Amino acid sequence: RSLTTTNRQVYPDLPVHSTEFSEKKLNKLVKAIYPYTAAHRDELDLKEGDCILLMERRPDQWYKGELNGKIGLFPGTFVTDA
């Protein structure tokens, strides 16, 4: 098997333009407007003014993002567009 064939099996072709993808996967900055203390290991601690790289907006109003090299969840109502 060639490397290309193996990669295609591991990474199946995805549509280039997907409405679901564009609405939920973002990669833009948001700014914390309230502090938040993580209650679980998969959450981020936020301080007012933190800028978080927004990676995913979930239907349950929780967002996934990266802050200071850590990826985790945080409440979407605690941030605004940067």
Protein backbone atom coordinates (compact mmCIF):
# COMPACT_ATOMS: atom_id res chain seq x y z
CA ARG A 1 0.00 0.00 0.00
CA SER A 2 1.19 3.50 -0.70
CA LEU A 3 1.18 6.23 1.92
CA THR A 4 -1.52 8.09 -0.03
CA THR A 5 -3.82 5.05 -0.01
CA THR A 6 -3.29 4.59 3.73
CA ASN A 7 -4.03 8.27 4.41
CA ARG A 8 -7.26 8.09 2.43
CA GLN A 9 -8.41 5.18 4.56
CA VAL A 10 -7.53 6.96 7.79
CA TYR A 11 -8.76 10.40 6.68
CA PRO A 12 -11.79 9.89 4.45
CA ASP A 13 -12.65 12.65 2.02
CA LEU A 14 -14.75 15.33 3.65
CA PRO A 15 -16.88 17.89 1.85
CA VAL A 16 -15.01 21.12 1.22
CA HIS A 17 -18.01 23.29 2.12
CA SER A 18 -20.29 22.12 4.89
CA THR A 19 -22.91 24.29 6.58
CA GLU A 20 -22.53 22.36 9.84
CA PHE A 21 -18.74 22.76 9.72
CA SER A 22 -18.84 26.50 9.07
CA GLU A 23 -21.34 27.13 11.89
CA LYS A 24 -19.62 25.02 14.55
CA LYS A 25 -15.88 24.99 13.71
CA LEU A 26 -14.55 28.51 13.82
CA ASN A 27 -10.90 29.20 14.69
CA LYS A 28 -11.42 32.84 15.65
CA LEU A 29 -10.71 34.79 18.82
CA VAL A 30 -13.25 35.45 21.54
CA LYS A 31 -12.71 37.51 24.69
CA ALA A 32 -13.75 36.52 28.21
CA ILE A 33 -16.14 39.05 29.71
CA TYR A 34 -16.51 37.15 33.01
CA PRO A 35 -14.12 34.97 35.01
CA TYR A 36 -14.81 31.24 35.06
CA THR A 37 -13.25 28.59 37.29
CA ALA A 38 -13.08 25.16 35.67
CA ALA A 39 -15.19 22.55 37.44
CA HIS A 40 -13.77 19.62 35.43
CA ARG A 41 -10.37 18.72 33.96
CA ASP A 42 -11.65 19.22 30.40
CA GLU A 43 -12.59 22.86 31.05
CA LEU A 44 -10.58 26.08 30.85
CA ASP A 45 -10.12 28.63 33.64
CA LEU A 46 -10.99 32.08 32.28
CA LYS A 47 -10.01 35.51 33.56
CA GLU A 48 -11.83 38.61 32.39
CA GLY A 49 -10.02 39.88 29.30
CA ASP A 50 -8.52 36.51 28.26
CA CYS A 51 -8.50 35.98 24.48
CA ILE A 52 -9.37 32.40 23.57
CA LEU A 53 -8.96 30.77 20.16
CA LEU A 54 -12.49 29.48 19.49
CA MET A 55 -12.41 26.05 17.90
CA GLU A 56 -15.99 24.82 18.24
CA ARG A 57 -19.37 26.24 19.19
CA ARG A 58 -21.54 23.45 20.61
CA PRO A 59 -25.36 23.32 20.67
CA ASP A 60 -25.36 23.13 24.50
CA GLN A 61 -23.91 26.70 24.72
CA TRP A 62 -20.46 25.38 25.69
CA TYR A 63 -17.52 26.28 23.49
CA LYS A 64 -14.24 24.50 22.85
CA GLY A 65 -11.14 26.63 22.58
CA GLU A 66 -7.45 27.06 23.28
CA LEU A 67 -5.95 29.33 25.92
CA ASN A 68 -2.27 29.42 26.87
CA GLY A 69 -1.60 26.15 25.04
CA LYS A 70 -4.45 24.26 26.75
CA ILE A 71 -7.55 23.09 24.89
CA GLY A 72 -10.79 22.81 26.83
CA LEU A 73 -14.44 23.72 27.24
CA PHE A 74 -15.91 26.92 28.65
CA PRO A 75 -19.38 28.50 28.82
CA GLY A 76 -20.19 30.41 25.64
CA THR A 77 -22.14 33.02 27.59
CA PHE A 78 -18.91 34.11 29.31
CA VAL A 79 -17.27 35.38 26.09
CA THR A 80 -17.87 37.86 23.29
CA ASP A 81 -16.31 38.33 19.85
CA ALA A 82 -12.84 39.84 20.20
